[in-house]
C-alpha atoms as a PDB file:
ATOM      1  CA  MET A   1       3.225 -10.412 -19.365  1.00  0.00           C
ATOM      2  CA  ILE A   2       6.816 -10.984 -18.239  1.00  0.00           C
ATOM      3  CA  GLU A   3       9.616  -8.422 -18.401  1.00  0.00           C
ATOM      4  CA  ASN A   4      13.304  -9.165 -17.885  1.00  0.00           C
ATOM      5  CA  ILE A   5      14.597  -6.142 -15.952  1.00  0.00           C
ATOM      6  CA  ARG A   6      18.122  -7.218 -15.034  1.00  0.00           C
ATOM      7  CA  PRO A   7      19.901 -10.601 -15.049  1.00  0.00           C
ATOM      8  CA  ASP A   8      17.720 -13.039 -13.043  1.00  0.00           C
ATOM      9  CA  LEU A   9      15.307 -10.216 -12.102  1.00  0.00           C
ATOM     10  CA  TYR A  10      11.853 -10.318 -13.698  1.00  0.00           C
ATOM     11  CA  ARG A  11       8.468  -8.598 -13.474  1.00  0.00           C
ATOM     12  CA  ILE A  12       5.223 -10.541 -13.835  1.00  0.00           C
ATOM     13  CA  GLU A  13       2.175  -8.404 -14.535  1.00  0.00           C
ATOM     14  CA  ILE A  14      -0.713  -9.616 -12.369  1.00  0.00           C
ATOM     15  CA  PRO A  15      -4.145  -8.241 -13.442  1.00  0.00           C
ATOM     16  CA  LEU A  16      -6.357  -6.524 -10.875  1.00  0.00           C
ATOM     17  CA  PRO A  17      -9.810  -6.664 -12.501  1.00  0.00           C
ATOM     18  CA  ASN A  18     -12.110  -3.674 -11.988  1.00  0.00           C
ATOM     19  CA  SER A  19      -9.401  -1.763 -10.108  1.00  0.00           C
ATOM     20  CA  PRO A  20      -8.064   1.668 -11.074  1.00  0.00           C
ATOM     21  CA  LEU A  21      -4.624   0.239 -10.210  1.00  0.00           C
ATOM     22  CA  LYS A  22      -4.985  -2.033 -13.300  1.00  0.00           C
ATOM     23  CA  TYR A  23      -2.311  -4.550 -12.308  1.00  0.00           C
ATOM     24  CA  LEU A  24       0.256  -5.511  -9.699  1.00  0.00           C
ATOM     25  CA  ASN A  25       3.950  -5.859 -10.456  1.00  0.00           C
ATOM     26  CA  ALA A  26       5.176  -9.098  -8.893  1.00  0.00           C
ATOM     27  CA  TYR A  27       8.964  -9.338  -8.975  1.00  0.00           C
ATOM     28  CA  VAL A  28      10.833 -12.627  -9.274  1.00  0.00           C
ATOM     29  CA  ILE A  29      14.534 -13.029  -8.493  1.00  0.00           C
ATOM     30  CA  ARG A  30      15.941 -16.325  -9.742  1.00  0.00           C
ATOM     31  CA  SER A  31      18.747 -18.128  -7.958  1.00  0.00           C
ATOM     32  CA  GLU A  32      20.330 -21.572  -8.075  1.00  0.00           C
ATOM     33  CA  GLU A  33      19.668 -21.987  -4.349  1.00  0.00           C
ATOM     34  CA  ARG A  34      16.249 -20.396  -3.716  1.00  0.00           C
ATOM     35  CA  HIS A  35      14.120 -18.020  -5.738  1.00  0.00           C
ATOM     36  CA  LEU A  36      12.326 -14.999  -4.263  1.00  0.00           C
ATOM     37  CA  ILE A  37       8.922 -13.584  -5.215  1.00  0.00           C
ATOM     38  CA  VAL A  38       8.129 -10.050  -4.077  1.00  0.00           C
ATOM     39  CA  ASP A  39       4.347  -9.455  -3.739  1.00  0.00           C
ATOM     40  CA  THR A  40       1.671 -11.692  -5.190  1.00  0.00           C
ATOM     41  CA  GLY A  41      -1.716 -10.179  -6.135  1.00  0.00           C
ATOM     42  CA  LEU A  42      -5.270 -10.627  -4.905  1.00  0.00           C
ATOM     43  CA  ASN A  43      -6.609 -13.990  -3.838  1.00  0.00           C
ATOM     44  CA  ARG A  44      -8.651 -14.482  -6.982  1.00  0.00           C
ATOM     45  CA  LYS A  45      -8.645 -16.725 -10.033  1.00  0.00           C
ATOM     46  CA  GLU A  46      -7.321 -14.160 -12.525  1.00  0.00           C
ATOM     47  CA  CYS A  47      -4.309 -13.325 -10.353  1.00  0.00           C
ATOM     48  CA  LEU A  48      -3.471 -16.962  -9.657  1.00  0.00           C
ATOM     49  CA  GLU A  49      -3.635 -17.915 -13.340  1.00  0.00           C
ATOM     50  CA  ALA A  50      -1.377 -15.014 -14.380  1.00  0.00           C
ATOM     51  CA  MET A  51       1.123 -15.802 -11.628  1.00  0.00           C
ATOM     52  CA  GLN A  52       1.232 -19.515 -12.431  1.00  0.00           C
ATOM     53  CA  ALA A  53       1.677 -18.822 -16.149  1.00  0.00           C
ATOM     54  CA  GLY A  54       4.553 -16.442 -15.426  1.00  0.00           C
ATOM     55  CA  LEU A  55       6.266 -18.794 -13.013  1.00  0.00           C
ATOM     56  CA  ASP A  56       5.939 -21.682 -15.484  1.00  0.00           C
ATOM     57  CA  GLU A  57       7.525 -19.583 -18.230  1.00  0.00           C
ATOM     58  CA  LEU A  58      10.400 -18.675 -15.898  1.00  0.00           C
ATOM     59  CA  ASP A  59      10.715 -22.315 -14.785  1.00  0.00           C
ATOM     60  CA  ILE A  60      10.253 -21.398 -11.121  1.00  0.00           C
ATOM     61  CA  ASP A  61       9.863 -24.317  -8.729  1.00  0.00           C
ATOM     62  CA  LEU A  62       7.705 -23.154  -5.815  1.00  0.00           C
ATOM     63  CA  ALA A  63       9.343 -25.780  -3.586  1.00  0.00           C
ATOM     64  CA  LYS A  64      12.529 -23.716  -3.995  1.00  0.00           C
ATOM     65  CA  THR A  65      10.859 -20.315  -3.619  1.00  0.00           C
ATOM     66  CA  ASP A  66      10.493 -17.839  -0.758  1.00  0.00           C
ATOM     67  CA  PHE A  67       8.331 -14.704  -0.567  1.00  0.00           C
ATOM     68  CA  PHE A  68       8.878 -11.132   0.518  1.00  0.00           C
ATOM     69  CA  ILE A  69       5.675  -9.130   0.954  1.00  0.00           C
ATOM     70  CA  THR A  70       6.058  -5.348   1.058  1.00  0.00           C
ATOM     71  CA  HIS A  71       2.865  -4.747   3.060  1.00  0.00           C
ATOM     72  CA  LEU A  72      -0.424  -6.233   4.185  1.00  0.00           C
ATOM     73  CA  HIS A  73      -2.805  -4.874   1.535  1.00  0.00           C
ATOM     74  CA  ALA A  74      -4.592  -7.702  -0.240  1.00  0.00           C
ATOM     75  CA  ASP A  75      -3.332  -6.868  -3.740  1.00  0.00           C
ATOM     76  CA  HIS A  76       0.177  -7.619  -2.435  1.00  0.00           C
ATOM     77  CA  PHE A  77      -0.445 -10.235   0.267  1.00  0.00           C
ATOM     78  CA  GLY A  78      -3.690 -11.915  -0.748  1.00  0.00           C
ATOM     79  CA  LEU A  79      -2.399 -14.648  -3.059  1.00  0.00           C
ATOM     80  CA  VAL A  80       0.550 -15.800  -0.958  1.00  0.00           C
ATOM     81  CA  GLY A  81      -1.457 -18.523   0.789  1.00  0.00           C
ATOM     82  CA  LYS A  82      -2.139 -20.160  -2.581  1.00  0.00           C
ATOM     83  CA  LEU A  83       1.521 -20.111  -3.651  1.00  0.00           C
ATOM     84  CA  VAL A  84       3.581 -21.176  -0.633  1.00  0.00           C
ATOM     85  CA  SER A  85       4.980 -24.671  -0.416  1.00  0.00           C
ATOM     86  CA  SER A  86       5.868 -26.575   2.734  1.00  0.00           C
ATOM     87  CA  THR A  87       9.468 -25.405   2.303  1.00  0.00           C
ATOM     88  CA  SER A  88       8.713 -21.733   1.572  1.00  0.00           C
ATOM     89  CA  LYS A  89       9.562 -18.888   3.912  1.00  0.00           C
ATOM     90  CA  ILE A  90       7.499 -15.702   4.004  1.00  0.00           C
ATOM     91  CA  PHE A  91       9.392 -12.547   4.955  1.00  0.00           C
ATOM     92  CA  PHE A  92       7.315  -9.703   6.357  1.00  0.00           C
ATOM     93  CA  ASN A  93       7.421  -6.700   8.670  1.00  0.00           C
ATOM     94  CA  ARG A  94       6.729  -6.782  12.413  1.00  0.00           C
ATOM     95  CA  PRO A  95       3.979  -4.095  12.775  1.00  0.00           C
ATOM     96  CA  GLU A  96       1.654  -5.774  10.307  1.00  0.00           C
ATOM     97  CA  THR A  97       2.468  -9.266  11.541  1.00  0.00           C
ATOM     98  CA  GLU A  98       1.216  -8.050  14.929  1.00  0.00           C
ATOM     99  CA  LEU A  99      -1.957  -6.781  13.221  1.00  0.00           C
ATOM    100  CA  ILE A 100      -2.536 -10.249  11.789  1.00  0.00           C
ATOM    101  CA  GLU A 101      -1.923 -11.858  15.178  1.00  0.00           C
ATOM    102  CA  ALA A 102      -4.302  -9.415  16.921  1.00  0.00           C
ATOM    103  CA  ARG A 103      -7.121 -10.641  14.665  1.00  0.00           C
ATOM    104  CA  THR A 104      -9.045  -7.367  15.013  1.00  0.00           C
ATOM    105  CA  GLY A 105     -10.154  -7.536  11.392  1.00  0.00           C
ATOM    106  CA  TRP A 106     -12.141  -4.632  10.018  1.00  0.00           C
ATOM    107  CA  ASP A 107     -14.253  -3.875  13.101  1.00  0.00           C
ATOM    108  CA  SER A 108     -12.105  -1.100  14.567  1.00  0.00           C
ATOM    109  CA  MET A 109     -11.804   0.645  11.183  1.00  0.00           C
ATOM    110  CA  VAL A 110     -15.556   0.413  10.618  1.00  0.00           C
ATOM    111  CA  ALA A 111     -16.241   1.935  14.044  1.00  0.00           C
ATOM    112  CA  TYR A 112     -13.727   4.734  13.416  1.00  0.00           C
ATOM    113  CA  ALA A 113     -15.204   5.489   9.983  1.00  0.00           C
ATOM    114  CA  GLY A 114     -18.683   5.716  11.519  1.00  0.00           C
ATOM    115  CA  LYS A 115     -17.405   8.051  14.235  1.00  0.00           C
ATOM    116  CA  ASN A 116     -15.991  10.266  11.485  1.00  0.00           C
ATOM    117  CA  GLY A 117     -19.209  10.621   9.555  1.00  0.00           C
ATOM    118  CA  PHE A 118     -19.284   7.665   7.144  1.00  0.00           C
ATOM    119  CA  PRO A 119     -23.030   6.907   6.883  1.00  0.00           C
ATOM    120  CA  LYS A 120     -23.834   3.791   8.876  1.00  0.00           C
ATOM    121  CA  GLU A 121     -26.188   2.474   6.196  1.00  0.00           C
ATOM    122  CA  GLU A 122     -23.308   2.523   3.688  1.00  0.00           C
ATOM    123  CA  LEU A 123     -20.508   1.272   5.932  1.00  0.00           C
ATOM    124  CA  ARG A 124     -21.065  -2.464   5.684  1.00  0.00           C
ATOM    125  CA  LEU A 125     -21.760  -2.229   1.956  1.00  0.00           C
ATOM    126  CA  ALA A 126     -18.520  -0.263   1.485  1.00  0.00           C
ATOM    127  CA  ILE A 127     -16.546  -2.961   3.295  1.00  0.00           C
ATOM    128  CA  GLU A 128     -18.202  -5.789   1.390  1.00  0.00           C
ATOM    129  CA  SER A 129     -17.230  -4.151  -1.920  1.00  0.00           C
ATOM    130  CA  HIS A 130     -13.671  -3.466  -0.757  1.00  0.00           C
ATOM    131  CA  PRO A 131     -11.171  -5.666  -2.671  1.00  0.00           C
ATOM    132  CA  GLY A 132      -9.123  -6.089   0.510  1.00  0.00           C
ATOM    133  CA  PHE A 133     -12.132  -7.671   2.202  1.00  0.00           C
ATOM    134  CA  ARG A 134     -13.244  -9.777  -0.756  1.00  0.00           C
ATOM    135  CA  PHE A 135      -9.883 -11.102  -1.966  1.00  0.00           C
ATOM    136  CA  ASP A 136      -7.642 -11.383   1.084  1.00  0.00           C
ATOM    137  CA  SER A 137      -5.613 -14.486   1.931  1.00  0.00           C
ATOM    138  CA  GLU A 138      -7.756 -17.340   3.237  1.00  0.00           C
ATOM    139  CA  TRP A 139      -5.038 -18.305   5.697  1.00  0.00           C
ATOM    140  CA  ILE A 140      -1.777 -16.814   6.903  1.00  0.00           C
ATOM    141  CA  PRO A 141       1.249 -19.115   6.711  1.00  0.00           C
ATOM    142  CA  GLY A 142       4.112 -18.815   9.208  1.00  0.00           C
ATOM    143  CA  ILE A 143       5.954 -15.507   8.929  1.00  0.00           C
ATOM    144  CA  ASN A 144       9.643 -14.637   9.254  1.00  0.00           C
ATOM    145  CA  ILE A 145      10.093 -11.118  10.625  1.00  0.00           C
ATOM    146  CA  LEU A 146      12.479  -8.679   8.947  1.00  0.00           C
ATOM    147  CA  SER A 147      13.398  -5.260  10.336  1.00  0.00           C
ATOM    148  CA  ASP A 148      14.901  -2.076   8.959  1.00  0.00           C
ATOM    149  CA  GLY A 149      18.477  -2.708   7.818  1.00  0.00           C
ATOM    150  CA  ASP A 150      18.214  -6.507   7.679  1.00  0.00           C
ATOM    151  CA  GLU A 151      19.807  -8.078   4.600  1.00  0.00           C
ATOM    152  CA  MET A 152      18.593 -10.752   2.191  1.00  0.00           C
ATOM    153  CA  LYS A 153      20.938 -12.446  -0.287  1.00  0.00           C
ATOM    154  CA  VAL A 154      19.249 -13.903  -3.364  1.00  0.00           C
ATOM    155  CA  GLY A 155      21.655 -15.157  -6.026  1.00  0.00           C
ATOM    156  CA  LYS A 156      23.816 -12.260  -7.165  1.00  0.00           C
ATOM    157  CA  TYR A 157      21.636  -9.704  -5.370  1.00  0.00           C
ATOM    158  CA  LYS A 158      22.041  -8.553  -1.772  1.00  0.00           C
ATOM    159  CA  PHE A 159      19.007  -6.583  -0.654  1.00  0.00           C
ATOM    160  CA  ARG A 160      18.683  -4.364   2.396  1.00  0.00           C
ATOM    161  CA  CYS A 161      15.294  -3.863   4.061  1.00  0.00           C
ATOM    162  CA  VAL A 162      14.154  -0.242   4.223  1.00  0.00           C
ATOM    163  CA  PHE A 163      11.277   0.435   6.634  1.00  0.00           C
ATOM    164  CA  THR A 164       8.942   2.979   4.981  1.00  0.00           C
ATOM    165  CA  PRO A 165       5.707   3.335   6.989  1.00  0.00           C
ATOM    166  CA  GLY A 166       2.983   5.588   5.617  1.00  0.00           C
ATOM    167  CA  HIS A 167       1.004   3.848   2.892  1.00  0.00           C
ATOM    168  CA  SER A 168       0.644   1.130   5.510  1.00  0.00           C
ATOM    169  CA  MET A 169       1.961   1.052   9.048  1.00  0.00           C
ATOM    170  CA  GLY A 170       4.628  -1.576   8.348  1.00  0.00           C
ATOM    171  CA  HIS A 171       5.457  -0.982   4.682  1.00  0.00           C
ATOM    172  CA  MET A 172       8.942  -2.163   3.724  1.00  0.00           C
ATOM    173  CA  CYS A 173      11.035  -1.789   0.549  1.00  0.00           C
ATOM    174  CA  LEU A 174      14.046  -3.762  -0.674  1.00  0.00           C
ATOM    175  CA  TYR A 175      17.183  -1.841  -1.670  1.00  0.00           C
ATOM    176  CA  GLU A 176      20.107  -3.267  -3.635  1.00  0.00           C
ATOM    177  CA  PRO A 177      22.945  -0.749  -3.111  1.00  0.00           C
ATOM    178  CA  THR A 178      25.386  -2.281  -5.609  1.00  0.00           C
ATOM    179  CA  GLN A 179      22.828  -2.367  -8.424  1.00  0.00           C
ATOM    180  CA  LYS A 180      21.141   0.832  -7.109  1.00  0.00           C
ATOM    181  CA  ILE A 181      17.700  -0.773  -7.380  1.00  0.00           C
ATOM    182  CA  LEU A 182      14.744  -0.143  -5.062  1.00  0.00           C
ATOM    183  CA  ILE A 183      11.807  -2.567  -5.030  1.00  0.00           C
ATOM    184  CA  ALA A 184       9.353  -0.009  -3.728  1.00  0.00           C
ATOM    185  CA  GLY A 185       5.990  -1.706  -3.207  1.00  0.00           C
ATOM    186  CA  ASP A 186       3.451   1.129  -2.953  1.00  0.00           C
ATOM    187  CA  HIS A 187       5.825   3.629  -1.351  1.00  0.00           C
ATOM    188  CA  ILE A 188       6.621   5.405  -4.626  1.00  0.00           C
ATOM    189  CA  LEU A 189       4.353   5.091  -7.658  1.00  0.00           C
ATOM    190  CA  ILE A 190       4.390   6.869 -11.014  1.00  0.00           C
ATOM    191  CA  ASP A 191       1.255   8.385 -12.665  1.00  0.00           C
ATOM    192  CA  ILE A 192      -0.770   7.747  -9.492  1.00  0.00           C
ATOM    193  CA  THR A 193      -0.181   8.678  -5.851  1.00  0.00           C
ATOM    194  CA  PRO A 194      -0.100   6.046  -3.102  1.00  0.00           C
ATOM    195  CA  ASN A 195      -3.264   6.169  -1.017  1.00  0.00           C
ATOM    196  CA  ILE A 196      -2.472   7.320   2.544  1.00  0.00           C
ATOM    197  CA  GLN A 197      -5.278   6.377   4.937  1.00  0.00           C
ATOM    198  CA  CYS A 198      -5.792   6.908   8.656  1.00  0.00           C
ATOM    199  CA  TRP A 199      -8.149   4.767  10.738  1.00  0.00           C
ATOM    200  CA  SER A 200      -6.955   5.631  14.249  1.00  0.00           C
ATOM    201  CA  SER A 201      -6.326   8.814  16.221  1.00  0.00           C
ATOM    202  CA  ASP A 202      -3.193   7.226  17.704  1.00  0.00           C
ATOM    203  CA  ILE A 203      -1.173   7.338  14.475  1.00  0.00           C
ATOM    204  CA  ASN A 204      -0.147   9.932  11.886  1.00  0.00           C
ATOM    205  CA  PRO A 205       0.291   8.040   8.588  1.00  0.00           C
ATOM    206  CA  LEU A 206       0.870  11.102   6.417  1.00  0.00           C
ATOM    207  CA  LYS A 207       3.659  12.372   8.676  1.00  0.00           C
ATOM    208  CA  ASN A 208       5.216   8.891   8.593  1.00  0.00           C
ATOM    209  CA  TYR A 209       4.879   8.786   4.812  1.00  0.00           C
ATOM    210  CA  LEU A 210       6.585  12.128   4.263  1.00  0.00           C
ATOM    211  CA  LEU A 211       9.435  11.104   6.574  1.00  0.00           C
ATOM    212  CA  SER A 212       9.753   7.814   4.670  1.00  0.00           C
ATOM    213  CA  LEU A 213       9.978   9.727   1.386  1.00  0.00           C
ATOM    214  CA  ASP A 214      12.830  11.775   2.839  1.00  0.00           C
ATOM    215  CA  LYS A 215      14.534   8.566   3.962  1.00  0.00           C
ATOM    216  CA  VAL A 216      14.400   7.021   0.493  1.00  0.00           C
ATOM    217  CA  SER A 217      15.502  10.280  -1.155  1.00  0.00           C
ATOM    218  CA  ARG A 218      18.870   9.837   0.557  1.00  0.00           C
ATOM    219  CA  LEU A 219      19.492   6.477  -1.138  1.00  0.00           C
ATOM    220  CA  LYS A 220      21.489   6.195  -4.358  1.00  0.00           C
ATOM    221  CA  ILE A 221      18.925   4.701  -6.741  1.00  0.00           C
ATOM    222  CA  ASP A 222      19.066   4.334 -10.526  1.00  0.00           C
ATOM    223  CA  LEU A 223      15.888   2.280 -10.924  1.00  0.00           C
ATOM    224  CA  THR A 224      12.754   2.112  -8.780  1.00  0.00           C
ATOM    225  CA  LEU A 225      10.504  -0.918  -9.248  1.00  0.00           C
ATOM    226  CA  PRO A 226       7.020   0.030  -8.003  1.00  0.00           C
ATOM    227  CA  GLY A 227       4.123  -2.214  -7.039  1.00  0.00           C
ATOM    228  CA  HIS A 228       1.931  -0.766  -9.810  1.00  0.00           C
ATOM    229  CA  ARG A 229       2.393   0.903 -13.183  1.00  0.00           C
ATOM    230  CA  ARG A 230       5.728   1.602 -14.851  1.00  0.00           C
ATOM    231  CA  MET A 231       9.273   1.776 -13.528  1.00  0.00           C
ATOM    232  CA  ILE A 232      10.757   5.034 -12.229  1.00  0.00           C
ATOM    233  CA  LYS A 233      14.198   6.262 -13.264  1.00  0.00           C
ATOM    234  CA  ASP A 234      14.269   9.540 -11.326  1.00  0.00           C
ATOM    235  CA  HIS A 235      13.062   8.855  -7.796  1.00  0.00           C
ATOM    236  CA  ILE A 236      14.147  12.274  -6.509  1.00  0.00           C
ATOM    237  CA  SER A 237      11.868  14.151  -8.928  1.00  0.00           C
ATOM    238  CA  ARG A 238       8.992  11.778  -8.217  1.00  0.00           C
ATOM    239  CA  ILE A 239       9.403  12.196  -4.460  1.00  0.00           C
ATOM    240  CA  LYS A 240       9.237  15.977  -4.888  1.00  0.00           C
ATOM    241  CA  GLU A 241       6.039  15.593  -6.925  1.00  0.00           C
ATOM    242  CA  LEU A 242       4.506  13.390  -4.233  1.00  0.00           C
ATOM    243  CA  LYS A 243       5.398  15.830  -1.458  1.00  0.00           C
ATOM    244  CA  ASP A 244       4.020  18.746  -3.485  1.00  0.00           C
ATOM    245  CA  HIS A 245       0.820  16.769  -4.055  1.00  0.00           C
ATOM    246  CA  HIS A 246       0.275  16.315  -0.338  1.00  0.00           C
ATOM    247  CA  GLY A 247       1.091  19.964   0.298  1.00  0.00           C
ATOM    248  CA  ARG A 248      -1.716  20.932  -2.083  1.00  0.00           C
ATOM    249  CA  ARG A 249      -4.000  18.392  -0.418  1.00  0.00           C
ATOM    250  CA  LEU A 250      -3.340  19.925   3.013  1.00  0.00           C
ATOM    251  CA  ASP A 251      -4.084  23.411   1.673  1.00  0.00           C
ATOM    252  CA  GLU A 252      -7.307  22.100   0.122  1.00  0.00           C
ATOM    253  CA  VAL A 253      -8.473  20.588   3.420  1.00  0.00           C
ATOM    254  CA  VAL A 254      -7.786  23.843   5.286  1.00  0.00           C
ATOM    255  CA  SER A 255      -9.742  25.722   2.602  1.00  0.00           C
ATOM    256  CA  ILE A 256     -12.697  23.326   2.976  1.00  0.00           C
ATOM    257  CA  LEU A 257     -12.701  23.786   6.756  1.00  0.00           C
ATOM    258  CA  GLY A 258     -12.792  27.536   6.159  1.00  0.00           C
ATOM    259  CA  ASN A 259     -16.523  27.028   5.578  1.00  0.00           C
ATOM    260  CA  GLY A 260     -16.972  25.779   9.150  1.00  0.00           C
ATOM    261  CA  PRO A 261     -16.510  22.595  11.238  1.00  0.00           C
ATOM    262  CA  GLN A 262     -17.026  19.363   9.266  1.00  0.00           C
ATOM    263  CA  ASN A 263     -16.535  15.638   9.682  1.00  0.00           C
ATOM    264  CA  ALA A 264     -14.053  13.662   7.602  1.00  0.00           C
ATOM    265  CA  TYR A 265     -16.715  12.210   5.304  1.00  0.00           C
ATOM    266  CA  GLN A 266     -17.955  15.717   4.492  1.00  0.00           C
ATOM    267  CA  VAL A 267     -14.393  16.904   3.864  1.00  0.00           C
ATOM    268  CA  ALA A 268     -13.695  13.940   1.563  1.00  0.00           C
ATOM    269  CA  SER A 269     -16.817  14.704  -0.471  1.00  0.00           C
ATOM    270  CA  GLN A 270     -15.398  18.154  -1.332  1.00  0.00           C
ATOM    271  CA  MET A 271     -11.802  17.171  -2.074  1.00  0.00           C
ATOM    272  CA  THR A 272     -10.477  16.817  -5.630  1.00  0.00           C
ATOM    273  CA  TRP A 273     -10.273  13.202  -6.822  1.00  0.00           C
ATOM    274  CA  ASP A 274      -8.931  11.782 -10.054  1.00  0.00           C
ATOM    275  CA  LEU A 275     -11.878   9.477 -10.597  1.00  0.00           C
ATOM    276  CA  LYS A 276     -14.418   9.307 -13.388  1.00  0.00           C
ATOM    277  CA  ALA A 277     -17.598  10.189 -11.518  1.00  0.00           C
ATOM    278  CA  ASP A 278     -19.990  13.107 -12.031  1.00  0.00           C
ATOM    279  CA  SER A 279     -20.451  13.696  -8.312  1.00  0.00           C
ATOM    280  CA  TRP A 280     -19.616  12.330  -4.860  1.00  0.00           C
ATOM    281  CA  GLU A 281     -22.899  10.430  -4.886  1.00  0.00           C
ATOM    282  CA  ASP A 282     -21.714   8.568  -7.998  1.00  0.00           C
ATOM    283  CA  PHE A 283     -18.461   7.376  -6.369  1.00  0.00           C
ATOM    284  CA  PRO A 284     -18.275   3.590  -5.913  1.00  0.00           C
ATOM    285  CA  ARG A 285     -18.652   2.787  -2.217  1.00  0.00           C
ATOM    286  CA  ALA A 286     -15.162   1.280  -1.977  1.00  0.00           C
ATOM    287  CA  GLN A 287     -13.694   4.493  -3.441  1.00  0.00           C
ATOM    288  CA  LYS A 288     -15.608   6.536  -0.861  1.00  0.00           C
ATOM    289  CA  TRP A 289     -13.904   4.416   1.783  1.00  0.00           C
ATOM    290  CA  PHE A 290     -10.446   5.149   0.317  1.00  0.00           C
ATOM    291  CA  ALA A 291     -11.289   8.854   0.006  1.00  0.00           C
ATOM    292  CA  CYS A 292     -12.534   9.112   3.582  1.00  0.00           C
ATOM    293  CA  GLY A 293      -9.395   7.377   4.860  1.00  0.00           C
ATOM    294  CA  GLU A 294      -7.193   9.782   2.903  1.00  0.00           C
ATOM    295  CA  ALA A 295      -9.133  12.803   4.180  1.00  0.00           C
ATOM    296  CA  LEU A 296      -8.583  11.513   7.714  1.00  0.00           C
ATOM    297  CA  ALA A 297      -4.833  11.170   7.103  1.00  0.00           C
ATOM    298  CA  HIS A 298      -4.616  14.832   6.107  1.00  0.00           C
ATOM    299  CA  LEU A 299      -6.879  15.961   8.932  1.00  0.00           C
ATOM    300  CA  ARG A 300      -4.796  14.003  11.446  1.00  0.00           C
ATOM    301  CA  TYR A 301      -1.594  15.582  10.097  1.00  0.00           C
ATOM    302  CA  LEU A 302      -3.041  19.097  10.337  1.00  0.00           C
ATOM    303  CA  GLU A 303      -4.323  18.382  13.837  1.00  0.00           C
ATOM    304  CA  GLU A 304      -0.914  17.256  15.098  1.00  0.00           C
ATOM    305  CA  GLU A 305       0.670  20.323  13.488  1.00  0.00           C
ATOM    306  CA  GLY A 306      -1.758  22.516  15.439  1.00  0.00           C
ATOM    307  CA  ALA A 307      -3.400  23.929  12.290  1.00  0.00           C
ATOM    308  CA  ILE A 308      -6.845  22.503  13.140  1.00  0.00           C
ATOM    309  CA  HIS A 309      -8.581  20.962  16.141  1.00  0.00           C
ATOM    310  CA  ARG A 310     -11.267  18.353  16.630  1.00  0.00           C
ATOM    311  CA  LYS A 311     -14.693  18.619  18.201  1.00  0.00           C
ATOM    312  CA  ASP A 312     -15.535  15.211  19.671  1.00  0.00           C
ATOM    313  CA  ASP A 313     -19.288  14.721  19.878  1.00  0.00           C
ATOM    314  CA  ALA A 314     -21.322  11.768  18.611  1.00  0.00           C
ATOM    315  CA  ILE A 315     -19.623  12.443  15.278  1.00  0.00           C
ATOM    316  CA  THR A 316     -16.102  13.912  15.254  1.00  0.00           C
ATOM    317  CA  ARG A 317     -15.775  17.222  13.444  1.00  0.00           C
ATOM    318  CA  PHE A 318     -12.691  19.247  12.631  1.00  0.00           C
ATOM    319  CA  ALA A 319     -12.365  23.020  12.677  1.00  0.00           C
ATOM    320  CA  ILE A 320      -9.766  25.719  12.101  1.00  0.00           C
END
């Protein structure tokens, strides 16, 4: 499916099979000089076929096309290695480029999840069922670093990079101040809330996310183009809803810890999730991974605020 949003600005719907996200919105900006594709989809056959069909319909020559990737998650980054030509440039953020260069892979996250109560017998199976593990890019082409405030001119559009860490540590949006358009990646979504995960005690993703929401709320935006689901016409109201959601989440975590010290996996099992499953035991393993990461993000936020503290034994527990 292709949608013409504004002159020379299009959305290609890229299917994400067996994902609650349903599809990715890949955005294409056409230009006489060079085209730009924002985000690509998973590295899998269904995504590649949908992308190629859309690009053919729009008469996009990949030899004249560059790529801007909002963040490292595989449903946005995974397909880029199959699309780039020898003349393409890939524009990306510095923090996640450094993650790629460090080549640490999943090992540190797996160790941290185990330390926070994720059952060791389920850990490897959870990773192997994770779409980010199964459908990531097979190789990483050369990357051109962009930073907050940098500008990109594509045809009649002049975008400004807006650094919005939270959903990922290097997440970046594109803002067109004249047209008042924000290409938002997974920073602001409608109908669903961006998953905020924490896999290190050295960072506070939820705090970063809330600050990034405040940053975007100060921009004059008429139309927000998200990475998934439908477009957003009132970003201020949606930002308030997202902040209220996380406020309720924080209260819920404190309430759960009122029953005594618990590890993150135990906390996640008692949180409210919008997922069709009769019980925590029925959750798909990959969804347990996402839930545990989100529980950790809220626990880490509460810890830094001084509302809770950790008990570091063989398994980390949190207490009021």
